[in-house]
N, C-alpha and C. Protein backbone atom coordinates (compact mmCIF):
# COMPACT_ATOMS: atom_id res chain seq x y z
N MET A 1 27.54 60.48 7.40
CA MET A 1 26.44 59.48 7.69
C MET A 1 26.59 58.32 6.64
N GLU A 2 26.64 57.03 7.18
CA GLU A 2 26.81 55.92 6.89
C GLU A 2 25.77 55.07 6.58
N LEU A 3 24.94 54.77 5.25
CA LEU A 3 23.54 53.69 5.34
C LEU A 3 23.95 52.41 5.53
N ARG A 4 23.39 51.28 6.08
CA ARG A 4 23.25 50.64 6.49
C ARG A 4 22.61 49.58 5.73
N GLY A 5 22.45 48.38 5.20
CA GLY A 5 21.52 47.81 4.69
C GLY A 5 20.34 46.93 6.00
N MET A 6 19.69 46.32 5.43
CA MET A 6 18.71 45.68 6.88
C MET A 6 18.96 44.46 6.94
N VAL A 7 19.41 44.00 8.56
CA VAL A 7 20.30 42.77 8.89
C VAL A 7 19.38 41.94 9.65
N HIS A 8 18.95 40.91 8.86
CA HIS A 8 18.06 39.74 9.41
C HIS A 8 18.96 38.88 9.94
N SER A 9 17.57 38.48 11.50
CA SER A 9 18.04 37.50 12.22
C SER A 9 18.37 36.10 11.73
N THR A 10 17.56 35.53 11.41
CA THR A 10 17.32 34.40 10.64
C THR A 10 17.57 34.63 8.78
N PRO A 11 18.27 32.89 8.45
CA PRO A 11 18.85 33.53 6.77
C PRO A 11 17.26 33.26 6.27
N SER A 12 17.48 33.67 5.34
CA SER A 12 16.35 33.53 4.27
C SER A 12 16.37 32.14 3.63
N THR A 13 15.28 31.78 3.04
CA THR A 13 15.26 30.24 2.57
C THR A 13 14.35 30.75 1.06
N ASN A 14 15.43 30.17 -0.45
CA ASN A 14 14.59 30.04 -1.09
C ASN A 14 13.98 29.11 -1.81
N LEU A 15 12.90 29.67 -2.43
CA LEU A 15 12.15 27.90 -3.08
C LEU A 15 12.90 26.70 -3.67
N ALA A 16 13.95 27.05 -4.52
CA ALA A 16 14.96 26.09 -4.74
C ALA A 16 15.72 25.07 -3.47
N ASP A 17 15.99 26.13 -2.64
CA ASP A 17 16.27 25.52 -0.90
C ASP A 17 15.55 24.66 -0.66
N LEU A 18 14.45 24.96 -0.47
CA LEU A 18 13.34 24.49 -0.07
C LEU A 18 12.92 23.51 -0.64
N LEU A 19 13.10 22.94 -1.80
CA LEU A 19 12.38 22.23 -2.75
C LEU A 19 13.49 20.99 -2.87
N GLU A 20 14.86 21.57 -2.51
CA GLU A 20 15.74 21.05 -2.60
C GLU A 20 15.98 19.82 -1.41
N ARG A 21 15.64 20.45 -0.01
CA ARG A 21 15.02 19.90 0.91
C ARG A 21 14.00 18.85 0.96
N ILE A 22 13.20 18.85 0.55
CA ILE A 22 12.05 18.44 0.41
C ILE A 22 12.54 16.90 -0.30
N LEU A 23 13.26 17.27 -1.48
CA LEU A 23 13.83 15.52 -1.86
C LEU A 23 14.45 14.92 -1.60
N ASP A 24 15.17 16.13 -1.20
CA ASP A 24 16.49 15.25 -0.14
C ASP A 24 15.71 14.34 1.04
N LYS A 25 15.30 14.86 1.67
CA LYS A 25 14.69 14.41 2.79
C LYS A 25 13.18 13.55 2.85
N GLY A 26 12.31 13.88 1.65
CA GLY A 26 11.14 13.29 1.17
C GLY A 26 9.79 13.64 2.04
N ILE A 27 8.75 13.77 1.78
CA ILE A 27 7.62 14.38 2.81
C ILE A 27 6.18 13.13 2.25
N VAL A 28 5.96 13.07 3.45
CA VAL A 28 4.47 11.93 3.03
C VAL A 28 3.24 13.03 3.41
N ILE A 29 2.15 12.72 2.49
CA ILE A 29 1.05 13.53 2.63
C ILE A 29 -0.11 12.50 2.62
N SER A 30 -0.91 12.07 3.96
CA SER A 30 -2.01 10.79 3.79
C SER A 30 -2.84 11.73 4.28
N GLY A 31 -4.00 11.05 4.15
CA GLY A 31 -5.37 11.22 4.44
C GLY A 31 -6.42 10.24 3.88
N ASP A 32 -7.45 10.60 4.76
CA ASP A 32 -8.60 9.41 4.26
C ASP A 32 -10.14 10.01 3.73
N ILE A 33 -10.90 9.71 3.29
CA ILE A 33 -11.67 9.84 2.85
C ILE A 33 -12.83 8.94 3.06
N ARG A 34 -13.84 8.97 3.93
CA ARG A 34 -15.02 8.44 4.03
C ARG A 34 -16.53 8.61 4.09
N ILE A 35 -17.20 8.11 3.32
CA ILE A 35 -18.81 8.53 3.05
C ILE A 35 -19.44 7.63 4.23
N ASN A 36 -20.50 8.22 4.65
CA ASN A 36 -21.17 7.50 5.55
C ASN A 36 -22.76 7.30 5.59
N LEU A 37 -23.61 6.81 5.25
CA LEU A 37 -25.28 6.95 5.15
C LEU A 37 -25.85 6.04 6.28
N VAL A 38 -25.85 6.89 7.55
CA VAL A 38 -27.08 6.47 8.53
C VAL A 38 -25.88 5.50 9.07
N ASN A 39 -24.83 5.41 9.34
CA ASN A 39 -24.35 4.58 9.89
C ASN A 39 -23.33 3.61 9.20
N VAL A 40 -23.41 3.40 7.98
CA VAL A 40 -23.29 2.56 6.78
C VAL A 40 -22.05 3.41 6.06
N GLU A 41 -21.07 2.68 6.24
CA GLU A 41 -19.83 2.87 5.17
C GLU A 41 -20.02 2.72 4.08
N LEU A 42 -20.20 3.86 2.93
CA LEU A 42 -20.72 3.34 1.70
C LEU A 42 -19.00 3.25 0.99
N LEU A 43 -18.52 4.55 1.08
CA LEU A 43 -17.13 4.54 0.23
C LEU A 43 -15.91 4.87 1.10
N THR A 44 -14.75 4.39 1.08
CA THR A 44 -13.30 4.87 1.62
C THR A 44 -12.33 4.90 0.48
N ILE A 45 -11.88 6.04 0.74
CA ILE A 45 -10.97 6.36 -0.24
C ILE A 45 -9.73 6.69 1.10
N GLN A 46 -7.83 5.98 0.71
CA GLN A 46 -7.14 6.09 0.95
C GLN A 46 -6.34 7.07 0.40
N ILE A 47 -5.85 7.89 0.38
CA ILE A 47 -4.80 8.88 -0.46
C ILE A 47 -3.51 8.61 0.15
N ARG A 48 -2.00 8.27 -0.46
CA ARG A 48 -0.98 8.50 0.11
C ARG A 48 -0.41 9.07 -0.99
N LEU A 49 0.26 10.15 -0.34
CA LEU A 49 1.15 10.93 -1.43
C LEU A 49 2.81 11.07 -0.97
N VAL A 50 3.57 10.52 -1.57
CA VAL A 50 4.94 10.85 -1.09
C VAL A 50 5.70 11.40 -2.28
N ILE A 51 6.54 12.16 -1.82
CA ILE A 51 7.41 13.22 -2.55
C ILE A 51 8.79 13.28 -2.30
N CYS A 52 9.44 12.74 -3.54
CA CYS A 52 11.16 12.85 -3.09
C CYS A 52 11.56 12.27 -4.12
N SER A 53 12.75 12.41 -4.04
CA SER A 53 14.03 12.12 -5.07
C SER A 53 13.62 10.54 -5.85
N VAL A 54 14.15 10.50 -6.78
CA VAL A 54 14.49 9.14 -7.00
C VAL A 54 15.06 8.11 -5.91
N ASP A 55 16.48 8.87 -6.26
CA ASP A 55 17.24 8.05 -5.27
C ASP A 55 16.66 7.77 -3.54
N ARG A 56 16.03 8.93 -3.30
CA ARG A 56 15.42 8.20 -1.92
C ARG A 56 14.28 7.62 -2.08
N ALA A 57 13.89 7.29 -3.17
CA ALA A 57 12.89 6.71 -3.25
C ALA A 57 13.01 5.22 -4.02
N GLN A 58 14.63 4.71 -4.34
CA GLN A 58 14.63 3.74 -4.75
C GLN A 58 15.22 3.01 -2.96
N GLU A 59 15.76 4.07 -2.18
CA GLU A 59 16.30 3.57 -1.05
C GLU A 59 15.36 3.06 -0.25
N MET A 60 13.93 3.42 -0.28
CA MET A 60 13.08 3.16 0.30
C MET A 60 12.22 2.27 -0.06
N GLY A 61 12.93 1.35 -1.38
CA GLY A 61 12.23 0.62 -1.80
C GLY A 61 11.02 0.81 -2.68
N MET A 62 10.77 1.89 -3.34
CA MET A 62 9.74 2.13 -4.35
C MET A 62 10.56 1.95 -5.38
N ASP A 63 10.28 1.09 -6.64
CA ASP A 63 11.25 1.71 -7.93
C ASP A 63 9.98 1.06 -8.87
N TRP A 64 9.24 0.96 -8.89
CA TRP A 64 8.03 0.58 -9.91
C TRP A 64 8.36 0.78 -11.48
N TRP A 65 8.79 2.33 -11.66
CA TRP A 65 9.11 2.61 -12.40
C TRP A 65 10.34 1.39 -13.44
N ARG A 66 10.80 0.83 -12.91
CA ARG A 66 12.02 -0.31 -13.35
C ARG A 66 11.49 -1.40 -13.86
N THR A 67 10.49 -1.72 -12.82
CA THR A 67 9.46 -3.23 -13.51
C THR A 67 8.67 -2.99 -14.33
N PRO A 68 8.52 -3.69 -15.60
CA PRO A 68 7.78 -3.72 -16.22
C PRO A 68 6.10 -3.83 -15.29
N GLN A 69 5.61 -4.41 -14.51
CA GLN A 69 4.53 -5.10 -14.17
C GLN A 69 4.22 -4.52 -12.71
N LEU A 70 3.20 -4.25 -12.32
CA LEU A 70 2.56 -3.03 -11.29
C LEU A 70 1.87 -4.57 -10.31
N ALA A 71 2.02 -5.63 -10.96
CA ALA A 71 1.38 -6.81 -10.07
C ALA A 71 1.86 -6.85 -8.72
N GLY A 72 1.05 -6.69 -7.97
CA GLY A 72 1.98 -6.93 -6.14
C GLY A 72 3.00 -5.75 -6.18
N HIS A 73 2.58 -5.08 -6.61
CA HIS A 73 3.35 -3.62 -5.86
C HIS A 73 2.35 -2.96 -4.66
N GLY A 74 3.64 -2.78 -3.78
CA GLY A 74 3.01 -2.14 -2.55
C GLY A 74 2.73 -3.10 -2.02
N ILE A 75 2.72 -4.55 -1.80
CA ILE A 75 1.90 -5.59 -0.95
C ILE A 75 3.68 -5.82 -0.52
N GLU A 76 3.26 -5.92 1.24
CA GLU A 76 4.70 -6.60 1.43
C GLU A 76 5.30 -8.12 1.53
N GLU A 77 6.29 -8.28 2.00
CA GLU A 77 6.57 -9.98 1.32
C GLU A 77 5.46 -11.30 2.30
N ARG A 78 5.50 -10.24 3.66
CA ARG A 78 4.77 -11.48 4.64
C ARG A 78 3.05 -11.40 3.63
N GLN A 79 2.36 -10.34 3.37
CA GLN A 79 1.21 -10.97 2.91
C GLN A 79 1.22 -11.10 1.50
N MET A 80 2.07 -11.44 0.13
CA MET A 80 2.22 -11.86 -0.07
C MET A 80 2.15 -13.21 0.29
N LEU A 81 3.14 -13.96 0.94
CA LEU A 81 2.92 -15.38 1.57
C LEU A 81 1.82 -16.08 2.20
N ALA A 82 1.22 -14.97 3.04
CA ALA A 82 0.05 -15.40 3.52
C ALA A 82 -1.35 -15.35 2.45
N MET A 83 -0.99 -14.69 1.19
CA MET A 83 -2.23 -15.08 0.06
C MET A 83 -1.51 -16.29 -0.36
N GLU A 84 -0.58 -16.75 -0.18
CA GLU A 84 0.23 -18.25 -1.34
C GLU A 84 -0.35 -19.04 -0.26
N GLN A 85 -0.38 -18.82 0.93
CA GLN A 85 -1.28 -19.75 1.86
C GLN A 85 -2.25 -20.32 1.90
N MET A 86 -3.06 -19.07 1.63
CA MET A 86 -4.23 -19.25 1.88
C MET A 86 -4.67 -19.78 0.15
N GLN A 87 -4.24 -19.59 -0.74
CA GLN A 87 -4.26 -20.08 -1.70
C GLN A 87 -4.25 -21.63 -2.09
N GLN A 88 -3.38 -22.16 -1.38
CA GLN A 88 -2.83 -23.66 -0.76
C GLN A 88 -4.10 -24.20 0.15
N ARG A 89 -4.43 -23.48 0.72
CA ARG A 89 -5.75 -23.97 2.03
C ARG A 89 -6.64 -24.05 0.68
N ILE A 90 -7.06 -23.35 -0.04
CA ILE A 90 -8.45 -23.03 -0.72
C ILE A 90 -8.53 -24.16 -2.02
N GLU A 91 -7.40 -24.69 -2.43
CA GLU A 91 -7.07 -25.52 -3.27
C GLU A 91 -7.47 -26.97 -2.72
N LEU A 92 -6.70 -27.19 -1.29
CA LEU A 92 -6.50 -28.63 -0.45
C LEU A 92 -8.32 -28.54 -0.15
N LEU A 93 -9.02 -27.57 0.19
CA LEU A 93 -10.75 -27.92 0.31
C LEU A 93 -11.38 -28.46 -0.48
N GLU A 94 -10.59 -27.73 -1.69
CA GLU A 94 -11.64 -27.78 -2.99
C GLU A 94 -11.41 -29.37 -3.54
N SER A 95 -10.43 -29.82 -3.43
CA SER A 95 -10.05 -31.33 -3.60
C SER A 95 -10.97 -32.03 -2.74
N ARG A 96 -10.53 -31.62 -1.68
CA ARG A 96 -11.43 -32.59 -0.37
C ARG A 96 -13.10 -32.99 -0.95
N LEU A 97 -13.60 -31.41 -1.32
CA LEU A 97 -14.69 -31.13 -1.39
C LEU A 97 -15.09 -32.11 -2.84
N LYS A 98 -14.22 -32.19 -3.81
CA LYS A 98 -14.75 -33.06 -4.75
C LYS A 98 -14.47 -34.44 -4.83
N ALA A 99 -13.63 -34.98 -4.02
CA ALA A 99 -13.24 -36.32 -3.43
C ALA A 99 -14.97 -37.12 -2.74
N ASP A 100 -14.97 -36.19 -1.74
CA ASP A 100 -16.36 -36.38 -0.95
C ASP A 100 -17.75 -36.16 -1.85
N ALA A 101 -17.82 -35.80 -2.91
CA ALA A 101 -18.54 -35.62 -3.90
C ALA A 101 -18.71 -36.73 -4.55
N THR A 102 -17.51 -37.93 -4.79
CA THR A 102 -17.94 -38.93 -5.73
C THR A 102 -18.03 -40.18 -4.58
N GLN A 103 -18.26 -40.23 -3.52
CA GLN A 103 -18.28 -40.68 -2.19
C GLN A 103 -19.94 -40.68 -2.50
N PRO A 104 -20.52 -42.24 -2.56
CA PRO A 104 -22.38 -42.35 -2.17
C PRO A 104 -22.22 -41.79 -0.75
N ILE A 105 -23.83 -41.06 -0.96
CA ILE A 105 -24.17 -40.23 0.31
C ILE A 105 -24.73 -42.10 1.43
N LEU A 106 -24.80 -42.10 2.37
CA LEU A 106 -25.05 -42.99 3.01
C LEU A 106 -26.16 -42.56 3.80
N THR A 107 -27.22 -42.83 3.95
CA THR A 107 -28.47 -43.08 4.55
C THR A 107 -28.84 -44.10 5.81
N PRO A 108 -28.68 -43.52 6.92
CA PRO A 108 -28.66 -44.80 8.13
C PRO A 108 -30.22 -45.63 7.96
N GLY A 109 -30.50 -47.14 7.78
CA GLY A 109 -31.32 -47.64 7.33
C GLY A 109 -31.23 -48.49 6.09
N VAL A 110 -30.49 -47.56 5.47
CA VAL A 110 -30.62 -48.02 3.70
C VAL A 110 -29.59 -48.78 3.22
N VAL A 111 -29.58 -49.99 2.41
CA VAL A 111 -28.66 -50.92 2.09
C VAL A 111 -28.14 -50.07 0.77
N ALA A 112 -26.91 -49.87 0.54
CA ALA A 112 -26.90 -49.70 -0.88
C ALA A 112 -26.14 -50.13 -2.02
């Protein structure tokens, strides 16, 4: 009488294989925490967690460890352009306000 080992219908996966798949493909976990009091939002925390290999992160454009500054990190190019345009508009409006401030205020019926 010959004893045979147990045969599995699906191949088993060990922890190392699972970790390799996650690092190769990447995984994103996200969630929001909101604290409201009487329908007034007091606090919102947005949590985004990305788990992947360094190579995969570089493919996705996440290479913050290579740059010395984190300023502007995570802001898309079009958002940066919109911020620059808004800054230019603010400067233009401020210069117009300063020019208007130097003009005398004319009151109808009063000779300056």
